[in-house]
Amino acid sequence: MSAETSTTVYSGLGASPGRASGKAYVIRNAEDIMAVPAGSILVVRILHPHLAPLLPRVAGLVVEEGAILQHATTLAREFGIPAAVGIRDARSLFQDGDLLEVDGYTGKVIERHID
């Protein structure tokens, strides 16, 4: 018997063009910053400039707060990383390892569930 998949779609603002998929890595406190796995989808409340060195490691970015002209969007565009901002409660919605797709054109984040 094969596993079935379902999806949940969350909508925010497209902040940096492109599409990326990978496993979520949620930053909830300062200790989480040093362990960001390469190729992950980084989930943060807000992206401060001092976190910019993490960006070359990640495939995509999901930000709870934000607008088109905030640090997260500028940094994501500079690094060429797809980003969606304004995904309310993202750090509560997603857990480390969740399969996410980020569409930086539309601001949609798709969570894939394997049943």
PDB file of N, CA and C in Angstrom:
ATOM      1  N   MET A   1       0.848  -1.166   0.000  1.00  0.00           N
ATOM      2  CA  MET A   1       0.000   0.000   0.000  1.00  0.00           C
ATOM      3  C   MET A   1       0.901   1.239   0.000  1.00  0.00           C
ATOM      4  N   SER A   2       0.626   2.187  -0.873  1.00  0.00           N
ATOM      5  CA  SER A   2       1.437   3.399  -0.969  1.00  0.00           C
ATOM      6  C   SER A   2       0.874   4.495  -0.066  1.00  0.00           C
ATOM      7  N   ALA A   3       1.778   5.389   0.354  1.00  0.00           N
ATOM      8  CA  ALA A   3       1.365   6.505   1.206  1.00  0.00           C
ATOM      9  C   ALA A   3       0.651   7.553   0.367  1.00  0.00           C
ATOM     10  N   GLU A   4      -0.367   8.149   0.959  1.00  0.00           N
ATOM     11  CA  GLU A   4      -1.086   9.226   0.294  1.00  0.00           C
ATOM     12  C   GLU A   4      -0.554  10.557   0.798  1.00  0.00           C
ATOM     13  N   THR A   5      -0.630  11.570  -0.056  1.00  0.00           N
ATOM     14  CA  THR A   5      -0.195  12.897   0.371  1.00  0.00           C
ATOM     15  C   THR A   5      -1.363  13.876   0.289  1.00  0.00           C
ATOM     16  N   SER A   6      -1.344  14.823   1.193  1.00  0.00           N
ATOM     17  CA  SER A   6      -2.298  15.922   1.160  1.00  0.00           C
ATOM     18  C   SER A   6      -1.497  17.198   1.361  1.00  0.00           C
ATOM     19  N   THR A   7      -2.128  18.322   1.085  1.00  0.00           N
ATOM     20  CA  THR A   7      -1.421  19.597   1.209  1.00  0.00           C
ATOM     21  C   THR A   7      -2.264  20.611   1.962  1.00  0.00           C
ATOM     22  N   THR A   8      -1.565  21.541   2.582  1.00  0.00           N
ATOM     23  CA  THR A   8      -2.188  22.714   3.183  1.00  0.00           C
ATOM     24  C   THR A   8      -1.462  23.916   2.607  1.00  0.00           C
ATOM     25  N   VAL A   9      -2.214  24.925   2.166  1.00  0.00           N
ATOM     26  CA  VAL A   9      -1.628  26.104   1.541  1.00  0.00           C
ATOM     27  C   VAL A   9      -1.835  27.310   2.451  1.00  0.00           C
ATOM     28  N   TYR A  10      -0.742  28.035   2.692  1.00  0.00           N
ATOM     29  CA  TYR A  10      -0.770  29.266   3.485  1.00  0.00           C
ATOM     30  C   TYR A  10      -0.402  30.419   2.564  1.00  0.00           C
ATOM     31  N   SER A  11      -1.055  31.560   2.735  1.00  0.00           N
ATOM     32  CA  SER A  11      -0.818  32.696   1.845  1.00  0.00           C
ATOM     33  C   SER A  11      -0.214  33.877   2.582  1.00  0.00           C
ATOM     34  N   GLY A  12       0.802  34.443   1.967  1.00  0.00           N
ATOM     35  CA  GLY A  12       1.438  35.655   2.457  1.00  0.00           C
ATOM     36  C   GLY A  12       1.754  36.539   1.269  1.00  0.00           C
ATOM     37  N   LEU A  13       2.881  37.220   1.332  1.00  0.00           N
ATOM     38  CA  LEU A  13       3.339  38.070   0.235  1.00  0.00           C
ATOM     39  C   LEU A  13       4.574  37.448  -0.406  1.00  0.00           C
ATOM     40  N   GLY A  14       4.589  37.418  -1.728  1.00  0.00           N
ATOM     41  CA  GLY A  14       5.793  37.002  -2.425  1.00  0.00           C
ATOM     42  C   GLY A  14       6.846  38.076  -2.239  1.00  0.00           C
ATOM     43  N   ALA A  15       8.005  37.694  -1.690  1.00  0.00           N
ATOM     44  CA  ALA A  15       9.005  38.686  -1.317  1.00  0.00           C
ATOM     45  C   ALA A  15      10.287  38.587  -2.122  1.00  0.00           C
ATOM     46  N   SER A  16      10.583  37.408  -2.630  1.00  0.00           N
ATOM     47  CA  SER A  16      11.780  37.195  -3.435  1.00  0.00           C
ATOM     48  C   SER A  16      11.449  36.086  -4.415  1.00  0.00           C
ATOM     49  N   PRO A  17      11.612  36.322  -5.709  1.00  0.00           N
ATOM     50  CA  PRO A  17      11.128  35.380  -6.711  1.00  0.00           C
ATOM     51  C   PRO A  17      11.845  34.036  -6.685  1.00  0.00           C
ATOM     52  N   GLY A  18      11.122  33.038  -7.154  1.00  0.00           N
ATOM     53  CA  GLY A  18      11.646  31.692  -7.256  1.00  0.00           C
ATOM     54  C   GLY A  18      10.783  30.728  -6.471  1.00  0.00           C
ATOM     55  N   ARG A  19      11.115  29.455  -6.620  1.00  0.00           N
ATOM     56  CA  ARG A  19      10.414  28.403  -5.885  1.00  0.00           C
ATOM     57  C   ARG A  19      11.453  27.490  -5.267  1.00  0.00           C
ATOM     58  N   ALA A  20      11.170  27.034  -4.070  1.00  0.00           N
ATOM     59  CA  ALA A  20      12.085  26.129  -3.380  1.00  0.00           C
ATOM     60  C   ALA A  20      11.288  25.157  -2.532  1.00  0.00           C
ATOM     61  N   SER A  21      11.834  23.976  -2.347  1.00  0.00           N
ATOM     62  CA  SER A  21      11.209  23.013  -1.454  1.00  0.00           C
ATOM     63  C   SER A  21      12.288  22.378  -0.595  1.00  0.00           C
ATOM     64  N   GLY A  22      11.871  21.935   0.568  1.00  0.00           N
ATOM     65  CA  GLY A  22      12.791  21.296   1.497  1.00  0.00           C
ATOM     66  C   GLY A  22      12.124  21.106   2.835  1.00  0.00           C
ATOM     67  N   LYS A  23      12.933  20.674   3.792  1.00  0.00           N
ATOM     68  CA  LYS A  23      12.436  20.461   5.148  1.00  0.00           C
ATOM     69  C   LYS A  23      12.523  21.754   5.943  1.00  0.00           C
ATOM     70  N   ALA A  24      11.470  22.020   6.694  1.00  0.00           N
ATOM     71  CA  ALA A  24      11.422  23.225   7.518  1.00  0.00           C
ATOM     72  C   ALA A  24      12.469  23.160   8.624  1.00  0.00           C
ATOM     73  N   TYR A  25      13.042  24.324   8.914  1.00  0.00           N
ATOM     74  CA  TYR A  25      13.860  24.491  10.113  1.00  0.00           C
ATOM     75  C   TYR A  25      13.366  25.767  10.773  1.00  0.00           C
ATOM     76  N   VAL A  26      12.807  25.621  11.965  1.00  0.00           N
ATOM     77  CA  VAL A  26      12.143  26.724  12.649  1.00  0.00           C
ATOM     78  C   VAL A  26      13.078  27.310  13.701  1.00  0.00           C
ATOM     79  N   ILE A  27      13.317  28.616  13.614  1.00  0.00           N
ATOM     80  CA  ILE A  27      14.129  29.297  14.619  1.00  0.00           C
ATOM     81  C   ILE A  27      13.194  29.919  15.647  1.00  0.00           C
ATOM     82  N   ARG A  28      13.280  29.397  16.863  1.00  0.00           N
ATOM     83  CA  ARG A  28      12.450  29.899  17.959  1.00  0.00           C
ATOM     84  C   ARG A  28      13.263  30.662  18.995  1.00  0.00           C
ATOM     85  N   ASN A  29      14.574  30.392  19.043  1.00  0.00           N
ATOM     86  CA  ASN A  29      15.435  31.083  20.005  1.00  0.00           C
ATOM     87  C   ASN A  29      16.866  31.134  19.453  1.00  0.00           C
ATOM     88  N   ALA A  30      17.735  31.830  20.139  1.00  0.00           N
ATOM     89  CA  ALA A  30      19.096  32.071  19.659  1.00  0.00           C
ATOM     90  C   ALA A  30      19.896  30.784  19.475  1.00  0.00           C
ATOM     91  N   GLU A  31      19.641  29.776  20.291  1.00  0.00           N
ATOM     92  CA  GLU A  31      20.388  28.520  20.177  1.00  0.00           C
ATOM     93  C   GLU A  31      20.121  27.810  18.854  1.00  0.00           C
ATOM     94  N   ASP A  32      18.957  28.026  18.265  1.00  0.00           N
ATOM     95  CA  ASP A  32      18.594  27.357  17.013  1.00  0.00           C
ATOM     96  C   ASP A  32      19.399  27.872  15.823  1.00  0.00           C
ATOM     97  N   ILE A  33      19.958  29.051  15.934  1.00  0.00           N
ATOM     98  CA  ILE A  33      20.596  29.699  14.800  1.00  0.00           C
ATOM     99  C   ILE A  33      21.800  28.921  14.283  1.00  0.00           C
ATOM    100  N   MET A  34      22.582  28.347  15.158  1.00  0.00           N
ATOM    101  CA  MET A  34      23.828  27.712  14.749  1.00  0.00           C
ATOM    102  C   MET A  34      23.635  26.351  14.088  1.00  0.00           C
ATOM    103  N   ALA A  35      22.457  25.770  14.164  1.00  0.00           N
ATOM    104  CA  ALA A  35      22.247  24.415  13.669  1.00  0.00           C
ATOM    105  C   ALA A  35      21.417  24.341  12.386  1.00  0.00           C
ATOM    106  N   VAL A  36      21.333  25.406  11.630  1.00  0.00           N
ATOM    107  CA  VAL A  36      20.497  25.412  10.426  1.00  0.00           C
ATOM    108  C   VAL A  36      21.071  24.440   9.396  1.00  0.00           C
ATOM    109  N   PRO A  37      20.305  23.403   9.031  1.00  0.00           N
ATOM    110  CA  PRO A  37      20.801  22.438   8.051  1.00  0.00           C
ATOM    111  C   PRO A  37      20.825  23.034   6.639  1.00  0.00           C
ATOM    112  N   ALA A  38      21.823  22.647   5.871  1.00  0.00           N
ATOM    113  CA  ALA A  38      21.914  23.095   4.474  1.00  0.00           C
ATOM    114  C   ALA A  38      20.692  22.608   3.697  1.00  0.00           C
ATOM    115  N   GLY A  39      20.170  23.467   2.836  1.00  0.00           N
ATOM    116  CA  GLY A  39      19.045  23.105   1.984  1.00  0.00           C
ATOM    117  C   GLY A  39      17.683  23.189   2.643  1.00  0.00           C
ATOM    118  N   SER A  40      17.625  23.690   3.862  1.00  0.00           N
ATOM    119  CA  SER A  40      16.347  23.747   4.569  1.00  0.00           C
ATOM    120  C   SER A  40      15.545  24.983   4.169  1.00  0.00           C
ATOM    121  N   ILE A  41      14.283  24.966   4.547  1.00  0.00           N
ATOM    122  CA  ILE A  41      13.415  26.132   4.425  1.00  0.00           C
ATOM    123  C   ILE A  41      13.420  26.788   5.804  1.00  0.00           C
ATOM    124  N   LEU A  42      14.010  27.945   5.898  1.00  0.00           N
ATOM    125  CA  LEU A  42      14.163  28.637   7.172  1.00  0.00           C
ATOM    126  C   LEU A  42      12.857  29.343   7.528  1.00  0.00           C
ATOM    127  N   VAL A  43      12.355  29.090   8.730  1.00  0.00           N
ATOM    128  CA  VAL A  43      11.111  29.690   9.221  1.00  0.00           C
ATOM    129  C   VAL A  43      11.463  30.566  10.423  1.00  0.00           C
ATOM    130  N   VAL A  44      11.196  31.869  10.304  1.00  0.00           N
ATOM    131  CA  VAL A  44      11.554  32.816  11.356  1.00  0.00           C
ATOM    132  C   VAL A  44      10.411  33.796  11.603  1.00  0.00           C
ATOM    133  N   ARG A  45      10.461  34.442  12.777  1.00  0.00           N
ATOM    134  CA  ARG A  45       9.476  35.499  13.050  1.00  0.00           C
ATOM    135  C   ARG A  45       9.804  36.716  12.209  1.00  0.00           C
ATOM    136  N   ILE A  46      11.057  37.136  12.278  1.00  0.00           N
ATOM    137  CA  ILE A  46      11.549  38.271  11.507  1.00  0.00           C
ATOM    138  C   ILE A  46      13.029  38.002  11.233  1.00  0.00           C
ATOM    139  N   LEU A  47      13.519  38.449  10.117  1.00  0.00           N
ATOM    140  CA  LEU A  47      14.915  38.198   9.764  1.00  0.00           C
ATOM    141  C   LEU A  47      15.718  39.470   9.976  1.00  0.00           C
ATOM    142  N   HIS A  48      16.559  39.446  10.989  1.00  0.00           N
ATOM    143  CA  HIS A  48      17.430  40.577  11.270  1.00  0.00           C
ATOM    144  C   HIS A  48      18.688  40.473  10.415  1.00  0.00           C
ATOM    145  N   PRO A  49      19.318  41.592  10.087  1.00  0.00           N
ATOM    146  CA  PRO A  49      20.509  41.563   9.233  1.00  0.00           C
ATOM    147  C   PRO A  49      21.640  40.681   9.762  1.00  0.00           C
ATOM    148  N   HIS A  50      21.761  40.534  11.082  1.00  0.00           N
ATOM    149  CA  HIS A  50      22.852  39.710  11.609  1.00  0.00           C
ATOM    150  C   HIS A  50      22.676  38.224  11.277  1.00  0.00           C
ATOM    151  N   LEU A  51      21.498  37.825  10.779  1.00  0.00           N
ATOM    152  CA  LEU A  51      21.267  36.443  10.376  1.00  0.00           C
ATOM    153  C   LEU A  51      21.620  36.195   8.910  1.00  0.00           C
ATOM    154  N   ALA A  52      22.045  37.231   8.202  1.00  0.00           N
ATOM    155  CA  ALA A  52      22.376  37.099   6.779  1.00  0.00           C
ATOM    156  C   ALA A  52      23.372  35.976   6.483  1.00  0.00           C
ATOM    157  N   PRO A  53      24.364  35.696   7.336  1.00  0.00           N
ATOM    158  CA  PRO A  53      25.291  34.602   7.028  1.00  0.00           C
ATOM    159  C   PRO A  53      24.630  33.223   6.921  1.00  0.00           C
ATOM    160  N   LEU A  54      23.415  33.075   7.437  1.00  0.00           N
ATOM    161  CA  LEU A  54      22.698  31.803   7.312  1.00  0.00           C
ATOM    162  C   LEU A  54      22.137  31.585   5.911  1.00  0.00           C
ATOM    163  N   LEU A  55      21.871  32.648   5.199  1.00  0.00           N
ATOM    164  CA  LEU A  55      21.118  32.560   3.954  1.00  0.00           C
ATOM    165  C   LEU A  55      21.771  31.716   2.863  1.00  0.00           C
ATOM    166  N   PRO A  56      23.085  31.720   2.689  1.00  0.00           N
ATOM    167  CA  PRO A  56      23.647  30.842   1.654  1.00  0.00           C
ATOM    168  C   PRO A  56      23.398  29.351   1.912  1.00  0.00           C
ATOM    169  N   ARG A  57      23.061  28.993   3.132  1.00  0.00           N
ATOM    170  CA  ARG A  57      22.816  27.589   3.485  1.00  0.00           C
ATOM    171  C   ARG A  57      21.400  27.126   3.176  1.00  0.00           C
ATOM    172  N   VAL A  58      20.436  28.061   3.076  1.00  0.00           N
ATOM    173  CA  VAL A  58      19.031  27.666   2.993  1.00  0.00           C
ATOM    174  C   VAL A  58      18.504  27.722   1.561  1.00  0.00           C
ATOM    175  N   ALA A  59      17.438  26.941   1.324  1.00  0.00           N
ATOM    176  CA  ALA A  59      16.811  26.900   0.002  1.00  0.00           C
ATOM    177  C   ALA A  59      15.708  27.933  -0.126  1.00  0.00           C
ATOM    178  N   GLY A  60      15.041  28.254   0.989  1.00  0.00           N
ATOM    179  CA  GLY A  60      13.925  29.183   0.965  1.00  0.00           C
ATOM    180  C   GLY A  60      13.707  29.792   2.329  1.00  0.00           C
ATOM    181  N   LEU A  61      12.836  30.793   2.366  1.00  0.00           N
ATOM    182  CA  LEU A  61      12.619  31.561   3.579  1.00  0.00           C
ATOM    183  C   LEU A  61      11.128  31.807   3.779  1.00  0.00           C
ATOM    184  N   VAL A  62      10.648  31.552   5.017  1.00  0.00           N
ATOM    185  CA  VAL A  62       9.272  31.835   5.411  1.00  0.00           C
ATOM    186  C   VAL A  62       9.353  32.740   6.634  1.00  0.00           C
ATOM    187  N   VAL A  63       8.704  33.909   6.558  1.00  0.00           N
ATOM    188  CA  VAL A  63       8.788  34.898   7.627  1.00  0.00           C
ATOM    189  C   VAL A  63       7.380  35.233   8.114  1.00  0.00           C
ATOM    190  N   GLU A  64       7.200  35.205   9.439  1.00  0.00           N
ATOM    191  CA  GLU A  64       5.880  35.512  10.016  1.00  0.00           C
ATOM    192  C   GLU A  64       5.481  36.956   9.774  1.00  0.00           C
ATOM    193  N   GLU A  65       6.385  37.863  10.067  1.00  0.00           N
ATOM    194  CA  GLU A  65       6.087  39.282   9.941  1.00  0.00           C
ATOM    195  C   GLU A  65       6.788  39.816   8.708  1.00  0.00           C
ATOM    196  N   GLY A  66       6.293  40.906   8.191  1.00  0.00           N
ATOM    197  CA  GLY A  66       7.048  41.497   7.115  1.00  0.00           C
ATOM    198  C   GLY A  66       6.230  42.131   6.030  1.00  0.00           C
ATOM    199  N   ALA A  67       6.969  42.848   5.236  1.00  0.00           N
ATOM    200  CA  ALA A  67       6.418  43.548   4.086  1.00  0.00           C
ATOM    201  C   ALA A  67       7.482  43.520   2.993  1.00  0.00           C
ATOM    202  N   ILE A  68       7.141  44.033   1.868  1.00  0.00           N
ATOM    203  CA  ILE A  68       8.013  43.954   0.706  1.00  0.00           C
ATOM    204  C   ILE A  68       9.358  44.650   0.911  1.00  0.00           C
ATOM    205  N   LEU A  69       9.422  45.672   1.738  1.00  0.00           N
ATOM    206  CA  LEU A  69      10.665  46.429   1.889  1.00  0.00           C
ATOM    207  C   LEU A  69      11.399  46.177   3.207  1.00  0.00           C
ATOM    208  N   GLN A  70      11.152  45.079   3.875  1.00  0.00           N
ATOM    209  CA  GLN A  70      11.850  44.800   5.119  1.00  0.00           C
ATOM    210  C   GLN A  70      13.181  44.088   4.855  1.00  0.00           C
ATOM    211  N   HIS A  71      13.984  43.912   5.904  1.00  0.00           N
ATOM    212  CA  HIS A  71      15.294  43.286   5.765  1.00  0.00           C
ATOM    213  C   HIS A  71      15.209  41.906   5.127  1.00  0.00           C
ATOM    214  N   ALA A  72      14.243  41.097   5.536  1.00  0.00           N
ATOM    215  CA  ALA A  72      14.138  39.730   5.028  1.00  0.00           C
ATOM    216  C   ALA A  72      14.001  39.711   3.511  1.00  0.00           C
ATOM    217  N   THR A  73      13.170  40.594   2.983  1.00  0.00           N
ATOM    218  CA  THR A  73      12.939  40.581   1.545  1.00  0.00           C
ATOM    219  C   THR A  73      14.161  41.082   0.790  1.00  0.00           C
ATOM    220  N   THR A  74      14.787  42.113   1.309  1.00  0.00           N
ATOM    221  CA  THR A  74      15.987  42.642   0.652  1.00  0.00           C
ATOM    222  C   THR A  74      17.098  41.605   0.669  1.00  0.00           C
ATOM    223  N   LEU A  75      17.334  40.989   1.815  1.00  0.00           N
ATOM    224  CA  LEU A  75      18.394  39.978   1.915  1.00  0.00           C
ATOM    225  C   LEU A  75      18.092  38.763   1.046  1.00  0.00           C
ATOM    226  N   ALA A  76      16.857  38.305   1.060  1.00  0.00           N
ATOM    227  CA  ALA A  76      16.494  37.144   0.242  1.00  0.00           C
ATOM    228  C   ALA A  76      16.724  37.430  -1.238  1.00  0.00           C
ATOM    229  N   ARG A  77      16.349  38.616  -1.691  1.00  0.00           N
ATOM    230  CA  ARG A  77      16.569  38.964  -3.100  1.00  0.00           C
ATOM    231  C   ARG A  77      18.063  39.037  -3.409  1.00  0.00           C
ATOM    232  N   GLU A  78      18.846  39.622  -2.498  1.00  0.00           N
ATOM    233  CA  GLU A  78      20.283  39.717  -2.726  1.00  0.00           C
ATOM    234  C   GLU A  78      20.940  38.344  -2.825  1.00  0.00           C
ATOM    235  N   PHE A  79      20.463  37.387  -2.032  1.00  0.00           N
ATOM    236  CA  PHE A  79      21.021  36.038  -2.046  1.00  0.00           C
ATOM    237  C   PHE A  79      20.329  35.118  -3.049  1.00  0.00           C
ATOM    238  N   GLY A  80      19.275  35.604  -3.704  1.00  0.00           N
ATOM    239  CA  GLY A  80      18.563  34.789  -4.689  1.00  0.00           C
ATOM    240  C   GLY A  80      17.780  33.644  -4.075  1.00  0.00           C
ATOM    241  N   ILE A  81      17.216  33.881  -2.897  1.00  0.00           N
ATOM    242  CA  ILE A  81      16.478  32.839  -2.182  1.00  0.00           C
ATOM    243  C   ILE A  81      14.986  33.146  -2.235  1.00  0.00           C
ATOM    244  N   PRO A  82      14.160  32.202  -2.708  1.00  0.00           N
ATOM    245  CA  PRO A  82      12.717  32.421  -2.702  1.00  0.00           C
ATOM    246  C   PRO A  82      12.212  32.678  -1.286  1.00  0.00           C
ATOM    247  N   ALA A  83      11.321  33.652  -1.144  1.00  0.00           N
ATOM    248  CA  ALA A  83      10.829  34.005   0.184  1.00  0.00           C
ATOM    249  C   ALA A  83       9.369  34.407   0.149  1.00  0.00           C
ATOM    250  N   ALA A  84       8.667  34.011   1.213  1.00  0.00           N
ATOM    251  CA  ALA A  84       7.297  34.439   1.455  1.00  0.00           C
ATOM    252  C   ALA A  84       7.265  35.069   2.840  1.00  0.00           C
ATOM    253  N   VAL A  85       6.672  36.248   2.947  1.00  0.00           N
ATOM    254  CA  VAL A  85       6.577  36.939   4.228  1.00  0.00           C
ATOM    255  C   VAL A  85       5.106  37.134   4.589  1.00  0.00           C
ATOM    256  N   GLY A  86       4.871  37.421   5.861  1.00  0.00           N
ATOM    257  CA  GLY A  86       3.503  37.638   6.315  1.00  0.00           C
ATOM    258  C   GLY A  86       2.727  36.350   6.502  1.00  0.00           C
ATOM    259  N   ILE A  87       3.423  35.244   6.774  1.00  0.00           N
ATOM    260  CA  ILE A  87       2.756  33.975   7.047  1.00  0.00           C
ATOM    261  C   ILE A  87       2.524  33.928   8.566  1.00  0.00           C
ATOM    262  N   ARG A  88       1.362  34.392   8.974  1.00  0.00           N
ATOM    263  CA  ARG A  88       1.052  34.516  10.412  1.00  0.00           C
ATOM    264  C   ARG A  88       1.221  33.198  11.143  1.00  0.00           C
ATOM    265  N   ASP A  89       1.875  33.280  12.305  1.00  0.00           N
ATOM    266  CA  ASP A  89       2.071  32.132  13.190  1.00  0.00           C
ATOM    267  C   ASP A  89       2.856  30.987  12.549  1.00  0.00           C
ATOM    268  N   ALA A  90       3.710  31.297  11.581  1.00  0.00           N
ATOM    269  CA  ALA A  90       4.469  30.255  10.882  1.00  0.00           C
ATOM    270  C   ALA A  90       5.266  29.381  11.842  1.00  0.00           C
ATOM    271  N   ARG A  91       5.833  29.972  12.882  1.00  0.00           N
ATOM    272  CA  ARG A  91       6.640  29.174  13.816  1.00  0.00           C
ATOM    273  C   ARG A  91       5.785  28.224  14.650  1.00  0.00           C
ATOM    274  N   SER A  92       4.494  28.467  14.710  1.00  0.00           N
ATOM    275  CA  SER A  92       3.582  27.534  15.372  1.00  0.00           C
ATOM    276  C   SER A  92       2.999  26.534  14.381  1.00  0.00           C
ATOM    277  N   LEU A  93       2.815  26.972  13.151  1.00  0.00           N
ATOM    278  CA  LEU A  93       2.228  26.106  12.130  1.00  0.00           C
ATOM    279  C   LEU A  93       3.169  24.990  11.703  1.00  0.00           C
ATOM    280  N   PHE A  94       4.473  25.290  11.641  1.00  0.00           N
ATOM    281  CA  PHE A  94       5.443  24.344  11.094  1.00  0.00           C
ATOM    282  C   PHE A  94       6.375  23.828  12.174  1.00  0.00           C
ATOM    283  N   GLN A  95       6.774  22.583  12.011  1.00  0.00           N
ATOM    284  CA  GLN A  95       7.737  21.935  12.893  1.00  0.00           C
ATOM    285  C   GLN A  95       8.981  21.588  12.081  1.00  0.00           C
ATOM    286  N   ASP A  96      10.108  21.464  12.752  1.00  0.00           N
ATOM    287  CA  ASP A  96      11.321  21.032  12.063  1.00  0.00           C
ATOM    288  C   ASP A  96      11.045  19.735  11.313  1.00  0.00           C
ATOM    289  N   GLY A  97      11.468  19.695  10.064  1.00  0.00           N
ATOM    290  CA  GLY A  97      11.302  18.493   9.249  1.00  0.00           C
ATOM    291  C   GLY A  97      10.049  18.463   8.402  1.00  0.00           C
ATOM    292  N   ASP A  98       9.092  19.365   8.628  1.00  0.00           N
ATOM    293  CA  ASP A  98       7.908  19.410   7.760  1.00  0.00           C
ATOM    294  C   ASP A  98       8.344  19.693   6.333  1.00  0.00           C
ATOM    295  N   LEU A  99       7.677  19.066   5.374  1.00  0.00           N
ATOM    296  CA  LEU A  99       7.996  19.286   3.964  1.00  0.00           C
ATOM    297  C   LEU A  99       7.262  20.517   3.456  1.00  0.00           C
ATOM    298  N   LEU A 100       8.037  21.540   3.053  1.00  0.00           N
ATOM    299  CA  LEU A 100       7.459  22.805   2.611  1.00  0.00           C
ATOM    300  C   LEU A 100       7.916  23.158   1.212  1.00  0.00           C
ATOM    301  N   GLU A 101       7.039  23.839   0.499  1.00  0.00           N
ATOM    302  CA  GLU A 101       7.374  24.467  -0.779  1.00  0.00           C
ATOM    303  C   GLU A 101       7.077  25.947  -0.641  1.00  0.00           C
ATOM    304  N   VAL A 102       8.033  26.775  -1.014  1.00  0.00           N
ATOM    305  CA  VAL A 102       7.877  28.227  -0.947  1.00  0.00           C
ATOM    306  C   VAL A 102       7.802  28.762  -2.366  1.00  0.00           C
ATOM    307  N   ASP A 103       6.771  29.524  -2.655  1.00  0.00           N
ATOM    308  CA  ASP A 103       6.643  30.197  -3.944  1.00  0.00           C
ATOM    309  C   ASP A 103       6.851  31.690  -3.702  1.00  0.00           C
ATOM    310  N   GLY A 104       8.033  32.156  -4.018  1.00  0.00           N
ATOM    311  CA  GLY A 104       8.376  33.551  -3.792  1.00  0.00           C
ATOM    312  C   GLY A 104       7.713  34.506  -4.755  1.00  0.00           C
ATOM    313  N   TYR A 105       7.089  33.975  -5.810  1.00  0.00           N
ATOM    314  CA  TYR A 105       6.345  34.820  -6.747  1.00  0.00           C
ATOM    315  C   TYR A 105       4.976  35.185  -6.165  1.00  0.00           C
ATOM    316  N   THR A 106       4.296  34.186  -5.590  1.00  0.00           N
ATOM    317  CA  THR A 106       2.924  34.386  -5.125  1.00  0.00           C
ATOM    318  C   THR A 106       2.805  34.565  -3.616  1.00  0.00           C
ATOM    319  N   GLY A 107       3.844  34.197  -2.859  1.00  0.00           N
ATOM    320  CA  GLY A 107       3.784  34.265  -1.413  1.00  0.00           C
ATOM    321  C   GLY A 107       3.114  33.063  -0.771  1.00  0.00           C
ATOM    322  N   LYS A 108       2.870  32.027  -1.542  1.00  0.00           N
ATOM    323  CA  LYS A 108       2.233  30.823  -1.001  1.00  0.00           C
ATOM    324  C   LYS A 108       3.288  29.866  -0.436  1.00  0.00           C
ATOM    325  N   VAL A 109       2.923  29.244   0.676  1.00  0.00           N
ATOM    326  CA  VAL A 109       3.736  28.188   1.274  1.00  0.00           C
ATOM    327  C   VAL A 109       2.852  26.950   1.319  1.00  0.00           C
ATOM    328  N   ILE A 110       3.328  25.887   0.707  1.00  0.00           N
ATOM    329  CA  ILE A 110       2.573  24.637   0.652  1.00  0.00           C
ATOM    330  C   ILE A 110       3.243  23.639   1.580  1.00  0.00           C
ATOM    331  N   GLU A 111       2.451  23.104   2.500  1.00  0.00           N
ATOM    332  CA  GLU A 111       2.936  22.068   3.393  1.00  0.00           C
ATOM    333  C   GLU A 111       2.414  20.727   2.882  1.00  0.00           C
ATOM    334  N   ARG A 112       3.304  19.786   2.677  1.00  0.00           N
ATOM    335  CA  ARG A 112       2.924  18.456   2.193  1.00  0.00           C
ATOM    336  C   ARG A 112       2.856  17.509   3.390  1.00  0.00           C
ATOM    337  N   HIS A 113       1.751  16.798   3.472  1.00  0.00           N
ATOM    338  CA  HIS A 113       1.536  15.817   4.531  1.00  0.00           C
ATOM    339  C   HIS A 113       1.548  14.428   3.892  1.00  0.00           C
ATOM    340  N   ILE A 114       2.356  13.542   4.401  1.00  0.00           N
ATOM    341  CA  ILE A 114       2.369  12.164   3.914  1.00  0.00           C
ATOM    342  C   ILE A 114       1.620  11.312   4.934  1.00  0.00           C
ATOM    343  N   ASP A 115       0.490  10.790   4.483  1.00  0.00           N
ATOM    344  CA  ASP A 115      -0.386  10.012   5.388  1.00  0.00           C
ATOM    345  C   ASP A 115      -0.035   8.540   5.348  1.00  0.00           C
TER     346      ASP A 115
END
